[in-house]
Amino acid sequence: MAEDAILHEGDLPPFQQSWQEFFTRTGLCRETYRRFRSIIFHYYFTHQRIFSWRSHITPYRVVVSELMLQQTQTIRVAEKFEPFITAFPDFNSLARARFAEILTVWKGLGYNRRAKYLQDIAQMVIQQYGGSLPDDPDTLRLFPGIGPATAASICAFAYNAPTVFLETNIRTVFIHFFFAEKTTVHDRDILPLVEQTLDSQRPREWYYALMDYGVMLKKTIGNLGRRSSHYTK
């Protein structure tokens, strides 16, 4: 967890340089989780991706980015996010807008039902929650367009809450490190590891780090997510 010092590659004894050798020797234990976090954070501190929704964090901006990132590549969301925020800077402005105006700004992202979900969410926040987004995943799951994973990710990113969830890049990381010998991996096998390795003191940054490492893995060794039983094209 956060109390563990971050290890850098050069700080490790020679016999720990290879992850697979290390993991084969130690198995699942506290030291393994510590080593895993060190690898992920070491990469992140040097190669983290910069996005405006990470640089300026509010619950509203997190909700918009998380809905946009459903089924749309990050590079495209990066182009459309700030124009959308400029047009509709908060829940109130989005809730009051004409839907035709929202669609005009949304154009190019596809899957227009997400734009409708966003306005419905904004209206629920204003009408039922006094303008403040709930910080509870179970409550967020009641909102349109928000499933269990998205509810947990919103809480992690908006409120730095130590929730547990999976998305494609995070799944790739855990398959790479912990299921290298398996051809098919189920989320029920991965989720306990997500919980065990979670940095509960800085979950937001930890999930950013996992996702960025997953993107790197996909670029360098391919999409390991295809080995997930939940994989869809």
Protein backbone atom coordinates (compact mmCIF):
# COMPACT_ATOMS: atom_id res chain seq x y z
CA MET A 1 0.00 0.00 0.00
CA ALA A 2 1.02 3.64 0.21
CA GLU A 3 3.23 3.03 3.23
CA ASP A 4 5.47 0.82 1.09
CA ALA A 5 8.43 2.62 -0.44
CA ILE A 6 8.47 2.69 -4.22
CA LEU A 7 11.25 0.51 -5.58
CA HIS A 8 13.03 1.41 -8.79
CA GLU A 9 14.54 -1.18 -11.10
CA GLY A 10 18.11 -0.31 -10.16
CA ASP A 11 17.34 -0.65 -6.45
CA LEU A 12 16.38 -4.31 -6.73
CA PRO A 13 18.71 -7.25 -6.08
CA PRO A 14 19.76 -9.01 -9.31
CA PHE A 15 17.59 -12.06 -8.62
CA GLN A 16 14.50 -9.82 -8.57
CA GLN A 17 15.18 -8.11 -11.92
CA SER A 18 12.95 -10.53 -13.84
CA TRP A 19 9.30 -10.28 -12.88
CA GLN A 20 8.39 -13.80 -13.96
CA GLU A 21 11.30 -15.31 -12.04
CA PHE A 22 10.37 -13.21 -9.02
CA PHE A 23 6.67 -14.08 -9.23
CA THR A 24 7.37 -17.79 -9.71
CA ARG A 25 9.51 -17.74 -6.59
CA THR A 26 7.26 -15.64 -4.33
CA GLY A 27 3.72 -16.28 -5.57
CA LEU A 28 0.91 -14.04 -4.35
CA CYS A 29 2.08 -12.25 -1.23
CA ARG A 30 2.64 -8.78 0.18
CA GLU A 31 6.11 -8.50 -1.33
CA THR A 32 4.76 -9.46 -4.75
CA TYR A 33 2.08 -6.77 -4.58
CA ARG A 34 4.69 -4.24 -3.43
CA ARG A 35 6.98 -5.13 -6.32
CA PHE A 36 4.09 -4.92 -8.78
CA ARG A 37 3.08 -1.45 -7.58
CA SER A 38 6.69 -0.30 -7.81
CA ILE A 39 6.97 -1.36 -11.45
CA ILE A 40 3.71 0.33 -12.41
CA PHE A 41 4.41 3.58 -10.56
CA HIS A 42 8.00 3.76 -11.79
CA TYR A 43 6.75 3.69 -15.38
CA TYR A 44 3.95 6.16 -14.64
CA PHE A 45 6.18 8.76 -13.00
CA THR A 46 8.23 8.91 -16.20
CA HIS A 47 5.66 8.28 -18.93
CA GLN A 48 2.27 9.37 -17.63
CA ARG A 49 -0.20 10.60 -20.21
CA ILE A 50 -1.49 14.15 -19.86
CA PHE A 51 -5.21 14.82 -20.31
CA SER A 52 -7.20 17.88 -19.31
CA TRP A 53 -9.69 15.78 -17.33
CA ARG A 54 -6.77 14.55 -15.22
CA SER A 55 -5.21 17.98 -14.79
CA HIS A 56 -8.36 19.72 -13.55
CA ILE A 57 -10.58 17.33 -11.63
CA THR A 58 -14.20 17.95 -10.66
CA PRO A 59 -17.02 15.40 -10.35
CA TYR A 60 -18.69 16.91 -13.41
CA ARG A 61 -15.57 16.72 -15.57
CA VAL A 62 -15.00 13.13 -14.46
CA VAL A 63 -18.53 12.09 -15.39
CA VAL A 64 -18.24 13.71 -18.81
CA SER A 65 -14.87 12.11 -19.52
CA GLU A 66 -15.92 8.66 -18.30
CA LEU A 67 -19.04 8.66 -20.48
CA MET A 68 -17.08 9.94 -23.47
CA LEU A 69 -14.42 7.28 -23.01
CA GLN A 70 -17.00 4.51 -23.28
CA GLN A 71 -16.48 3.04 -26.77
CA THR A 72 -14.40 5.98 -28.04
CA GLN A 73 -10.62 6.17 -28.40
CA THR A 74 -8.82 8.43 -25.96
CA ILE A 75 -7.25 10.56 -28.68
CA ARG A 76 -10.70 11.44 -30.02
CA VAL A 77 -12.05 12.23 -26.56
CA ALA A 78 -9.05 14.50 -25.95
CA GLU A 79 -10.10 16.54 -28.99
CA LYS A 80 -13.75 16.86 -28.00
CA PHE A 81 -13.61 17.15 -24.21
CA GLU A 82 -12.69 20.81 -23.77
CA PRO A 83 -15.12 22.11 -26.43
CA PHE A 84 -17.88 20.21 -24.64
CA ILE A 85 -16.86 21.61 -21.25
CA THR A 86 -16.69 25.12 -22.71
CA ALA A 87 -20.22 24.79 -24.07
CA PHE A 88 -21.61 23.09 -20.94
CA PRO A 89 -19.31 23.86 -17.98
CA ASP A 90 -21.37 22.24 -15.22
CA PHE A 91 -24.32 20.02 -14.41
CA ASN A 92 -26.74 22.94 -14.39
CA SER A 93 -25.86 24.20 -17.87
CA LEU A 94 -26.00 20.68 -19.31
CA ALA A 95 -29.32 19.93 -17.64
CA ARG A 96 -30.91 23.11 -19.05
CA ALA A 97 -29.53 22.85 -22.59
CA ARG A 98 -31.58 21.87 -25.60
CA PHE A 99 -30.61 18.37 -26.65
CA ALA A 100 -30.02 19.56 -30.21
CA GLU A 101 -27.32 21.89 -28.85
CA ILE A 102 -25.68 19.01 -27.01
CA LEU A 103 -25.66 16.85 -30.12
CA THR A 104 -24.00 19.62 -32.12
CA VAL A 105 -21.08 19.73 -29.69
CA TRP A 106 -21.05 15.94 -29.34
CA LYS A 107 -20.77 15.40 -33.11
CA GLY A 108 -17.81 13.20 -33.99
CA LEU A 109 -17.86 11.08 -30.85
CA GLY A 110 -20.55 8.67 -32.03
CA TYR A 111 -22.94 6.59 -29.93
CA ASN A 112 -25.19 9.60 -29.38
CA ARG A 113 -27.16 7.86 -26.65
CA ARG A 114 -24.24 8.71 -24.36
CA ALA A 115 -24.98 12.40 -24.87
CA LYS A 116 -28.57 11.74 -23.79
CA TYR A 117 -27.31 9.81 -20.77
CA LEU A 118 -25.13 12.76 -19.79
CA GLN A 119 -28.03 15.19 -19.91
CA ASP A 120 -30.24 12.77 -17.98
CA ILE A 121 -27.48 12.41 -15.36
CA ALA A 122 -27.15 16.18 -15.09
CA GLN A 123 -30.89 16.58 -14.62
CA MET A 124 -30.94 13.90 -11.90
CA VAL A 125 -28.04 15.57 -10.10
CA ILE A 126 -29.82 18.94 -10.14
CA GLN A 127 -33.33 17.71 -9.37
CA GLN A 128 -32.65 14.88 -6.92
CA TYR A 129 -29.24 15.53 -5.36
CA GLY A 130 -29.08 19.28 -4.92
CA GLY A 131 -26.50 19.76 -7.66
CA SER A 132 -23.87 17.46 -6.09
CA LEU A 133 -22.89 14.16 -7.66
CA PRO A 134 -23.22 11.27 -5.17
CA ASP A 135 -19.95 9.69 -4.07
CA ASP A 136 -21.38 6.21 -3.59
CA PRO A 137 -21.04 3.61 -6.40
CA ASP A 138 -24.34 1.92 -5.51
CA THR A 139 -26.16 5.22 -5.92
CA LEU A 140 -24.36 6.10 -9.14
CA ARG A 141 -25.44 2.79 -10.65
CA LEU A 142 -29.00 4.12 -10.56
CA PHE A 143 -28.06 6.81 -13.07
CA PRO A 144 -28.62 6.20 -16.80
CA GLY A 145 -25.58 4.96 -18.72
CA ILE A 146 -23.61 4.13 -15.57
CA GLY A 147 -22.90 0.48 -14.86
CA PRO A 148 -20.96 -1.03 -11.95
CA ALA A 149 -17.49 -0.45 -13.41
CA THR A 150 -18.23 3.13 -14.48
CA ALA A 151 -19.79 3.91 -11.09
CA ALA A 152 -16.65 2.68 -9.34
CA SER A 153 -14.30 4.51 -11.72
CA ILE A 154 -16.20 7.78 -11.27
CA CYS A 155 -15.82 7.49 -7.49
CA ALA A 156 -12.12 6.70 -7.81
CA PHE A 157 -11.37 9.59 -10.16
CA ALA A 158 -13.79 12.20 -8.81
CA TYR A 159 -13.42 11.48 -5.09
CA ASN A 160 -10.16 9.50 -4.87
CA ALA A 161 -12.17 6.63 -3.39
CA PRO A 162 -10.54 3.16 -3.10
CA THR A 163 -13.12 1.42 -5.27
CA VAL A 164 -12.39 -1.71 -7.29
CA PHE A 165 -13.09 -1.94 -11.01
CA LEU A 166 -11.75 -3.20 -14.31
CA GLU A 167 -11.49 -1.68 -17.75
CA THR A 168 -9.63 -2.89 -20.82
CA ASN A 169 -6.19 -1.42 -20.07
CA ILE A 170 -6.25 -2.42 -16.41
CA ARG A 171 -7.31 -5.92 -17.40
CA THR A 172 -4.36 -6.10 -19.80
CA VAL A 173 -1.89 -5.23 -17.03
CA PHE A 174 -3.12 -7.93 -14.66
CA ILE A 175 -3.18 -10.58 -17.37
CA HIS A 176 0.40 -9.69 -18.31
CA PHE A 177 1.77 -9.82 -14.77
CA PHE A 178 -0.28 -12.52 -13.07
CA PHE A 179 -1.71 -14.80 -15.79
CA ALA A 180 1.14 -15.08 -18.29
CA GLU A 181 0.69 -18.84 -18.69
CA LYS A 182 -3.10 -18.84 -19.07
CA THR A 183 -4.90 -18.68 -22.41
CA THR A 184 -8.26 -17.64 -20.93
CA VAL A 185 -8.74 -15.41 -17.89
CA HIS A 186 -12.02 -14.51 -16.17
CA ASP A 187 -12.67 -11.21 -14.42
CA ARG A 188 -13.58 -13.11 -11.25
CA ASP A 189 -9.93 -14.18 -11.10
CA ILE A 190 -8.58 -10.69 -11.75
CA LEU A 191 -10.78 -8.60 -9.45
CA PRO A 192 -9.39 -10.00 -6.18
CA LEU A 193 -5.91 -9.01 -7.36
CA VAL A 194 -7.13 -5.52 -8.25
CA GLU A 195 -8.38 -5.22 -4.68
CA GLN A 196 -5.24 -6.68 -3.09
CA THR A 197 -2.85 -4.45 -5.04
CA LEU A 198 -4.90 -1.25 -4.75
CA ASP A 199 -3.06 1.73 -3.31
CA SER A 200 -5.81 2.82 -0.93
CA GLN A 201 -4.09 6.12 -0.12
CA ARG A 202 -3.96 7.33 -3.73
CA PRO A 203 -6.35 5.20 -5.78
CA ARG A 204 -6.89 7.88 -8.41
CA GLU A 205 -3.22 8.05 -9.31
CA TRP A 206 -2.87 4.27 -9.07
CA TYR A 207 -5.62 3.68 -11.62
CA TYR A 208 -4.12 6.33 -13.92
CA ALA A 209 -0.81 4.47 -13.65
CA LEU A 210 -2.40 1.10 -14.40
CA MET A 211 -4.20 2.43 -17.46
CA ASP A 212 -1.09 4.11 -18.83
CA TYR A 213 0.92 0.92 -18.35
CA GLY A 214 -1.81 -1.04 -20.12
CA VAL A 215 -1.66 1.30 -23.10
CA MET A 216 2.10 0.78 -23.28
CA LEU A 217 1.67 -3.01 -23.16
CA LYS A 218 -0.82 -2.95 -26.03
CA LYS A 219 1.63 -0.95 -28.14
CA THR A 220 4.63 -3.16 -27.37
CA ILE A 221 3.30 -6.73 -27.06
CA GLY A 222 -0.27 -6.56 -28.36
CA ASN A 223 -3.72 -6.74 -26.83
CA LEU A 224 -3.57 -9.29 -24.03
CA GLY A 225 -7.20 -8.49 -23.34
CA ARG A 226 -8.08 -10.98 -26.07
CA ARG A 227 -7.26 -13.67 -23.53
CA SER A 228 -10.01 -12.37 -21.27
CA SER A 229 -13.28 -14.29 -21.32
CA HIS A 230 -14.92 -10.84 -21.39
CA TYR A 231 -13.14 -9.70 -24.56
CA THR A 232 -15.26 -8.24 -27.34
CA LYS A 233 -14.10 -6.56 -30.53
